[in-house]
Amino acid sequence: MCRSIKTLRPPALPEEATEDEIRAAALQYVRKVSGFRAPAAHNREVFDRAVEAITAATRDLLADLEVRGQAARGAG
């Protein structure tokens, strides 16, 4: 587990995670999995695509999670 990735759902965060927090977590994940802090030029495109895909997946996950004792974010 990448220790620098923080929990982005309540109650760990008092408010909804920002786009910057979500992207930062995705970047840390891709760095950990790939083993590259910054990819070489020939890997930049695939690295960036992975960050964007994981950012989107994380955003969707957080939007759809139901946390006990709290209403779903999309509800209401």
PDB file of N, CA and C in Angstrom:
ATOM      1  N   MET A   1       0.844  -1.196   0.000  1.00  0.00           N
ATOM      2  CA  MET A   1       0.000   0.000   0.000  1.00  0.00           C
ATOM      3  C   MET A   1       0.873   1.236   0.000  1.00  0.00           C
ATOM      4  N   CYS A   2       0.513   2.187  -0.790  1.00  0.00           N
ATOM      5  CA  CYS A   2       1.266   3.437  -0.857  1.00  0.00           C
ATOM      6  C   CYS A   2       0.831   4.326   0.305  1.00  0.00           C
ATOM      7  N   ARG A   3       1.721   4.530   1.242  1.00  0.00           N
ATOM      8  CA  ARG A   3       1.367   5.241   2.466  1.00  0.00           C
ATOM      9  C   ARG A   3       1.032   6.705   2.251  1.00  0.00           C
ATOM     10  N   SER A   4       1.457   7.280   1.121  1.00  0.00           N
ATOM     11  CA  SER A   4       1.180   8.696   0.898  1.00  0.00           C
ATOM     12  C   SER A   4      -0.203   8.932   0.296  1.00  0.00           C
ATOM     13  N   ILE A   5      -0.930   7.879  -0.007  1.00  0.00           N
ATOM     14  CA  ILE A   5      -2.297   8.026  -0.489  1.00  0.00           C
ATOM     15  C   ILE A   5      -3.208   8.060   0.733  1.00  0.00           C
ATOM     16  N   LYS A   6      -3.950   9.147   0.885  1.00  0.00           N
ATOM     17  CA  LYS A   6      -4.816   9.264   2.053  1.00  0.00           C
ATOM     18  C   LYS A   6      -6.248   8.864   1.701  1.00  0.00           C
ATOM     19  N   THR A   7      -7.010   8.513   2.720  1.00  0.00           N
ATOM     20  CA  THR A   7      -8.420   8.172   2.543  1.00  0.00           C
ATOM     21  C   THR A   7      -9.168   9.427   2.121  1.00  0.00           C
ATOM     22  N   LEU A   8      -9.986   9.297   1.087  1.00  0.00           N
ATOM     23  CA  LEU A   8     -10.678  10.461   0.527  1.00  0.00           C
ATOM     24  C   LEU A   8     -12.177  10.472   0.792  1.00  0.00           C
ATOM     25  N   ARG A   9     -12.661   9.579   1.620  1.00  0.00           N
ATOM     26  CA  ARG A   9     -14.100   9.560   1.901  1.00  0.00           C
ATOM     27  C   ARG A   9     -14.357   9.964   3.338  1.00  0.00           C
ATOM     28  N   PRO A  10     -15.565  10.428   3.613  1.00  0.00           N
ATOM     29  CA  PRO A  10     -15.928  10.722   4.989  1.00  0.00           C
ATOM     30  C   PRO A  10     -15.926   9.426   5.800  1.00  0.00           C
ATOM     31  N   PRO A  11     -15.647   9.458   7.052  1.00  0.00           N
ATOM     32  CA  PRO A  11     -15.366  10.630   7.869  1.00  0.00           C
ATOM     33  C   PRO A  11     -13.894  11.040   7.873  1.00  0.00           C
ATOM     34  N   ALA A  12     -13.041  10.369   7.097  1.00  0.00           N
ATOM     35  CA  ALA A  12     -11.620  10.731   7.076  1.00  0.00           C
ATOM     36  C   ALA A  12     -11.422  12.175   6.607  1.00  0.00           C
ATOM     37  N   LEU A  13     -12.219  12.596   5.653  1.00  0.00           N
ATOM     38  CA  LEU A  13     -12.227  14.000   5.216  1.00  0.00           C
ATOM     39  C   LEU A  13     -13.543  14.623   5.644  1.00  0.00           C
ATOM     40  N   PRO A  14     -13.505  15.792   6.245  1.00  0.00           N
ATOM     41  CA  PRO A  14     -14.758  16.417   6.696  1.00  0.00           C
ATOM     42  C   PRO A  14     -15.640  16.881   5.537  1.00  0.00           C
ATOM     43  N   GLU A  15     -15.029  17.138   4.406  1.00  0.00           N
ATOM     44  CA  GLU A  15     -15.782  17.586   3.226  1.00  0.00           C
ATOM     45  C   GLU A  15     -15.455  16.680   2.046  1.00  0.00           C
ATOM     46  N   GLU A  16     -16.183  16.838   0.973  1.00  0.00           N
ATOM     47  CA  GLU A  16     -15.946  16.070  -0.244  1.00  0.00           C
ATOM     48  C   GLU A  16     -14.524  16.306  -0.749  1.00  0.00           C
ATOM     49  N   ALA A  17     -13.892  15.257  -1.218  1.00  0.00           N
ATOM     50  CA  ALA A  17     -12.524  15.369  -1.739  1.00  0.00           C
ATOM     51  C   ALA A  17     -12.505  16.300  -2.949  1.00  0.00           C
ATOM     52  N   THR A  18     -11.465  17.089  -3.033  1.00  0.00           N
ATOM     53  CA  THR A  18     -11.321  17.999  -4.174  1.00  0.00           C
ATOM     54  C   THR A  18     -10.744  17.246  -5.367  1.00  0.00           C
ATOM     55  N   GLU A  19     -10.871  17.825  -6.535  1.00  0.00           N
ATOM     56  CA  GLU A  19     -10.291  17.243  -7.747  1.00  0.00           C
ATOM     57  C   GLU A  19      -8.774  17.115  -7.595  1.00  0.00           C
ATOM     58  N   ASP A  20      -8.142  18.088  -6.965  1.00  0.00           N
ATOM     59  CA  ASP A  20      -6.690  18.036  -6.750  1.00  0.00           C
ATOM     60  C   ASP A  20      -6.312  16.868  -5.838  1.00  0.00           C
ATOM     61  N   GLU A  21      -7.092  16.621  -4.793  1.00  0.00           N
ATOM     62  CA  GLU A  21      -6.810  15.502  -3.883  1.00  0.00           C
ATOM     63  C   GLU A  21      -6.992  14.166  -4.593  1.00  0.00           C
ATOM     64  N   ILE A  22      -8.017  14.071  -5.413  1.00  0.00           N
ATOM     65  CA  ILE A  22      -8.278  12.843  -6.154  1.00  0.00           C
ATOM     66  C   ILE A  22      -7.153  12.580  -7.155  1.00  0.00           C
ATOM     67  N   ARG A  23      -6.737  13.608  -7.879  1.00  0.00           N
ATOM     68  CA  ARG A  23      -5.663  13.445  -8.862  1.00  0.00           C
ATOM     69  C   ARG A  23      -4.337  13.121  -8.178  1.00  0.00           C
ATOM     70  N   ALA A  24      -4.061  13.740  -7.050  1.00  0.00           N
ATOM     71  CA  ALA A  24      -2.816  13.470  -6.324  1.00  0.00           C
ATOM     72  C   ALA A  24      -2.759  12.003  -5.888  1.00  0.00           C
ATOM     73  N   ALA A  25      -3.879  11.465  -5.430  1.00  0.00           N
ATOM     74  CA  ALA A  25      -3.923  10.055  -5.036  1.00  0.00           C
ATOM     75  C   ALA A  25      -3.695   9.154  -6.249  1.00  0.00           C
ATOM     76  N   ALA A  26      -4.301   9.499  -7.376  1.00  0.00           N
ATOM     77  CA  ALA A  26      -4.120   8.720  -8.599  1.00  0.00           C
ATOM     78  C   ALA A  26      -2.662   8.756  -9.050  1.00  0.00           C
ATOM     79  N   LEU A  27      -2.047   9.910  -8.984  1.00  0.00           N
ATOM     80  CA  LEU A  27      -0.645  10.052  -9.363  1.00  0.00           C
ATOM     81  C   LEU A  27       0.247   9.194  -8.468  1.00  0.00           C
ATOM     82  N   GLN A  28      -0.003   9.215  -7.162  1.00  0.00           N
ATOM     83  CA  GLN A  28       0.787   8.405  -6.240  1.00  0.00           C
ATOM     84  C   GLN A  28       0.621   6.913  -6.537  1.00  0.00           C
ATOM     85  N   TYR A  29      -0.596   6.514  -6.868  1.00  0.00           N
ATOM     86  CA  TYR A  29      -0.845   5.113  -7.203  1.00  0.00           C
ATOM     87  C   TYR A  29      -0.060   4.700  -8.442  1.00  0.00           C
ATOM     88  N   VAL A  30      -0.123   5.516  -9.496  1.00  0.00           N
ATOM     89  CA  VAL A  30       0.580   5.197 -10.741  1.00  0.00           C
ATOM     90  C   VAL A  30       2.088   5.178 -10.504  1.00  0.00           C
ATOM     91  N   ARG A  31       2.584   6.108  -9.724  1.00  0.00           N
ATOM     92  CA  ARG A  31       4.017   6.111  -9.400  1.00  0.00           C
ATOM     93  C   ARG A  31       4.419   4.821  -8.696  1.00  0.00           C
ATOM     94  N   LYS A  32       3.620   4.397  -7.737  1.00  0.00           N
ATOM     95  CA  LYS A  32       3.923   3.197  -6.963  1.00  0.00           C
ATOM     96  C   LYS A  32       3.892   1.959  -7.853  1.00  0.00           C
ATOM     97  N   VAL A  33       2.842   1.817  -8.630  1.00  0.00           N
ATOM     98  CA  VAL A  33       2.671   0.630  -9.462  1.00  0.00           C
ATOM     99  C   VAL A  33       3.725   0.570 -10.566  1.00  0.00           C
ATOM    100  N   SER A  34       4.026   1.705 -11.175  1.00  0.00           N
ATOM    101  CA  SER A  34       4.985   1.729 -12.289  1.00  0.00           C
ATOM    102  C   SER A  34       6.437   1.685 -11.809  1.00  0.00           C
ATOM    103  N   GLY A  35       6.671   2.154 -10.599  1.00  0.00           N
ATOM    104  CA  GLY A  35       8.036   2.235 -10.107  1.00  0.00           C
ATOM    105  C   GLY A  35       8.775   3.475 -10.576  1.00  0.00           C
ATOM    106  N   PHE A  36       8.056   4.397 -11.226  1.00  0.00           N
ATOM    107  CA  PHE A  36       8.650   5.631 -11.731  1.00  0.00           C
ATOM    108  C   PHE A  36       8.058   6.828 -11.003  1.00  0.00           C
ATOM    109  N   ARG A  37       8.923   7.687 -10.483  1.00  0.00           N
ATOM    110  CA  ARG A  37       8.435   8.941  -9.916  1.00  0.00           C
ATOM    111  C   ARG A  37       8.031   9.867 -11.051  1.00  0.00           C
ATOM    112  N   ALA A  38       8.855   9.891 -12.079  1.00  0.00           N
ATOM    113  CA  ALA A  38       8.566  10.641 -13.310  1.00  0.00           C
ATOM    114  C   ALA A  38       8.996   9.749 -14.465  1.00  0.00           C
ATOM    115  N   PRO A  39       8.110   9.474 -15.395  1.00  0.00           N
ATOM    116  CA  PRO A  39       8.447   8.557 -16.478  1.00  0.00           C
ATOM    117  C   PRO A  39       9.383   9.208 -17.507  1.00  0.00           C
ATOM    118  N   ALA A  40      10.105   8.364 -18.215  1.00  0.00           N
ATOM    119  CA  ALA A  40      10.907   8.832 -19.343  1.00  0.00           C
ATOM    120  C   ALA A  40       9.957   9.336 -20.429  1.00  0.00           C
ATOM    121  N   ALA A  41      10.482  10.135 -21.330  1.00  0.00           N
ATOM    122  CA  ALA A  41       9.662  10.740 -22.388  1.00  0.00           C
ATOM    123  C   ALA A  41       8.863   9.695 -23.165  1.00  0.00           C
ATOM    124  N   HIS A  42       9.466   8.541 -23.419  1.00  0.00           N
ATOM    125  CA  HIS A  42       8.763   7.524 -24.207  1.00  0.00           C
ATOM    126  C   HIS A  42       7.635   6.840 -23.428  1.00  0.00           C
ATOM    127  N   ASN A  43       7.559   7.056 -22.130  1.00  0.00           N
ATOM    128  CA  ASN A  43       6.474   6.501 -21.312  1.00  0.00           C
ATOM    129  C   ASN A  43       5.502   7.565 -20.799  1.00  0.00           C
ATOM    130  N   ARG A  44       5.750   8.820 -21.102  1.00  0.00           N
ATOM    131  CA  ARG A  44       4.940   9.921 -20.567  1.00  0.00           C
ATOM    132  C   ARG A  44       3.463   9.778 -20.927  1.00  0.00           C
ATOM    133  N   GLU A  45       3.146   9.482 -22.164  1.00  0.00           N
ATOM    134  CA  GLU A  45       1.747   9.413 -22.599  1.00  0.00           C
ATOM    135  C   GLU A  45       0.975   8.319 -21.865  1.00  0.00           C
ATOM    136  N   VAL A  46       1.552   7.133 -21.773  1.00  0.00           N
ATOM    137  CA  VAL A  46       0.857   6.033 -21.101  1.00  0.00           C
ATOM    138  C   VAL A  46       0.745   6.307 -19.596  1.00  0.00           C
ATOM    139  N   PHE A  47       1.759   6.922 -19.018  1.00  0.00           N
ATOM    140  CA  PHE A  47       1.736   7.297 -17.600  1.00  0.00           C
ATOM    141  C   PHE A  47       0.603   8.290 -17.349  1.00  0.00           C
ATOM    142  N   ASP A  48       0.527   9.341 -18.171  1.00  0.00           N
ATOM    143  CA  ASP A  48      -0.516  10.358 -18.013  1.00  0.00           C
ATOM    144  C   ASP A  48      -1.914   9.785 -18.232  1.00  0.00           C
ATOM    145  N   ARG A  49      -2.049   8.885 -19.212  1.00  0.00           N
ATOM    146  CA  ARG A  49      -3.354   8.247 -19.453  1.00  0.00           C
ATOM    147  C   ARG A  49      -3.783   7.439 -18.234  1.00  0.00           C
ATOM    148  N   ALA A  50      -2.843   6.746 -17.626  1.00  0.00           N
ATOM    149  CA  ALA A  50      -3.163   5.956 -16.438  1.00  0.00           C
ATOM    150  C   ALA A  50      -3.609   6.858 -15.291  1.00  0.00           C
ATOM    151  N   VAL A  51      -2.915   7.965 -15.089  1.00  0.00           N
ATOM    152  CA  VAL A  51      -3.309   8.904 -14.027  1.00  0.00           C
ATOM    153  C   VAL A  51      -4.726   9.407 -14.277  1.00  0.00           C
ATOM    154  N   GLU A  52      -5.027   9.781 -15.506  1.00  0.00           N
ATOM    155  CA  GLU A  52      -6.372  10.288 -15.817  1.00  0.00           C
ATOM    156  C   GLU A  52      -7.445   9.220 -15.630  1.00  0.00           C
ATOM    157  N   ALA A  53      -7.163   7.991 -16.046  1.00  0.00           N
ATOM    158  CA  ALA A  53      -8.135   6.901 -15.884  1.00  0.00           C
ATOM    159  C   ALA A  53      -8.390   6.608 -14.407  1.00  0.00           C
ATOM    160  N   ILE A  54      -7.350   6.597 -13.616  1.00  0.00           N
ATOM    161  CA  ILE A  54      -7.508   6.318 -12.188  1.00  0.00           C
ATOM    162  C   ILE A  54      -8.178   7.486 -11.479  1.00  0.00           C
ATOM    163  N   THR A  55      -7.894   8.696 -11.918  1.00  0.00           N
ATOM    164  CA  THR A  55      -8.591   9.869 -11.371  1.00  0.00           C
ATOM    165  C   THR A  55     -10.092   9.741 -11.611  1.00  0.00           C
ATOM    166  N   ALA A  56     -10.472   9.395 -12.830  1.00  0.00           N
ATOM    167  CA  ALA A  56     -11.896   9.251 -13.170  1.00  0.00           C
ATOM    168  C   ALA A  56     -12.534   8.111 -12.382  1.00  0.00           C
ATOM    169  N   ALA A  57     -11.843   6.983 -12.275  1.00  0.00           N
ATOM    170  CA  ALA A  57     -12.384   5.847 -11.528  1.00  0.00           C
ATOM    171  C   ALA A  57     -12.553   6.199 -10.049  1.00  0.00           C
ATOM    172  N   THR A  58     -11.603   6.929  -9.501  1.00  0.00           N
ATOM    173  CA  THR A  58     -11.686   7.334  -8.098  1.00  0.00           C
ATOM    174  C   THR A  58     -12.836   8.300  -7.882  1.00  0.00           C
ATOM    175  N   ARG A  59     -12.996   9.244  -8.791  1.00  0.00           N
ATOM    176  CA  ARG A  59     -14.099  10.203  -8.707  1.00  0.00           C
ATOM    177  C   ARG A  59     -15.437   9.458  -8.717  1.00  0.00           C
ATOM    178  N   ASP A  60     -15.588   8.489  -9.623  1.00  0.00           N
ATOM    179  CA  ASP A  60     -16.821   7.692  -9.708  1.00  0.00           C
ATOM    180  C   ASP A  60     -17.047   6.888  -8.437  1.00  0.00           C
ATOM    181  N   LEU A  61     -15.988   6.271  -7.934  1.00  0.00           N
ATOM    182  CA  LEU A  61     -16.096   5.483  -6.708  1.00  0.00           C
ATOM    183  C   LEU A  61     -16.579   6.342  -5.552  1.00  0.00           C
ATOM    184  N   LEU A  62     -15.943   7.491  -5.356  1.00  0.00           N
ATOM    185  CA  LEU A  62     -16.324   8.365  -4.239  1.00  0.00           C
ATOM    186  C   LEU A  62     -17.747   8.890  -4.393  1.00  0.00           C
ATOM    187  N   ALA A  63     -18.165   9.150  -5.614  1.00  0.00           N
ATOM    188  CA  ALA A  63     -19.515   9.659  -5.851  1.00  0.00           C
ATOM    189  C   ALA A  63     -20.581   8.613  -5.537  1.00  0.00           C
ATOM    190  N   ASP A  64     -20.243   7.346  -5.721  1.00  0.00           N
ATOM    191  CA  ASP A  64     -21.238   6.285  -5.563  1.00  0.00           C
ATOM    192  C   ASP A  64     -21.168   5.532  -4.235  1.00  0.00           C
ATOM    193  N   LEU A  65     -20.128   5.755  -3.446  1.00  0.00           N
ATOM    194  CA  LEU A  65     -20.016   5.056  -2.164  1.00  0.00           C
ATOM    195  C   LEU A  65     -21.128   5.468  -1.210  1.00  0.00           C
ATOM    196  N   GLU A  66     -21.610   4.512  -0.477  1.00  0.00           N
ATOM    197  CA  GLU A  66     -22.559   4.798   0.590  1.00  0.00           C
ATOM    198  C   GLU A  66     -21.865   4.487   1.901  1.00  0.00           C
ATOM    199  N   VAL A  67     -21.700   5.492   2.724  1.00  0.00           N
ATOM    200  CA  VAL A  67     -21.031   5.344   4.015  1.00  0.00           C
ATOM    201  C   VAL A  67     -22.111   5.239   5.083  1.00  0.00           C
ATOM    202  N   ARG A  68     -22.006   4.227   5.945  1.00  0.00           N
ATOM    203  CA  ARG A  68     -23.020   4.051   6.993  1.00  0.00           C
ATOM    204  C   ARG A  68     -23.210   5.331   7.778  1.00  0.00           C
ATOM    205  N   GLY A  69     -24.459   5.682   8.003  1.00  0.00           N
ATOM    206  CA  GLY A  69     -24.785   6.864   8.792  1.00  0.00           C
ATOM    207  C   GLY A  69     -24.760   8.151   7.983  1.00  0.00           C
ATOM    208  N   GLN A  70     -24.483   8.056   6.689  1.00  0.00           N
ATOM    209  CA  GLN A  70     -24.464   9.256   5.841  1.00  0.00           C
ATOM    210  C   GLN A  70     -25.235   8.972   4.582  1.00  0.00           C
ATOM    211  N   ALA A  71     -25.903   9.998   4.084  1.00  0.00           N
ATOM    212  CA  ALA A  71     -26.640   9.861   2.829  1.00  0.00           C
ATOM    213  C   ALA A  71     -25.632   9.766   1.689  1.00  0.00           C
ATOM    214  N   ALA A  72     -26.006   9.073   0.628  1.00  0.00           N
ATOM    215  CA  ALA A  72     -25.151   8.995  -0.560  1.00  0.00           C
ATOM    216  C   ALA A  72     -24.973  10.399  -1.123  1.00  0.00           C
ATOM    217  N   ARG A  73     -23.809  10.688  -1.656  1.00  0.00           N
ATOM    218  CA  ARG A  73     -23.520  12.015  -2.179  1.00  0.00           C
ATOM    219  C   ARG A  73     -24.414  12.393  -3.342  1.00  0.00           C
ATOM    220  N   GLY A  74     -24.757  11.421  -4.162  1.00  0.00           N
ATOM    221  CA  GLY A  74     -25.598  11.719  -5.302  1.00  0.00           C
ATOM    222  C   GLY A  74     -27.069  11.828  -4.956  1.00  0.00           C
ATOM    223  N   ALA A  75     -27.454  11.470  -3.728  1.00  0.00           N
ATOM    224  CA  ALA A  75     -28.863  11.479  -3.336  1.00  0.00           C
ATOM    225  C   ALA A  75     -29.313  12.887  -2.982  1.00  0.00           C
ATOM    226  N   GLY A  76     -30.565  13.118  -3.201  1.00  0.00           N
ATOM    227  CA  GLY A  76     -31.153  14.360  -2.731  1.00  0.00           C
ATOM    228  C   GLY A  76     -31.333  15.311  -3.761  1.00  0.00           C
TER     229      GLY A  76
END
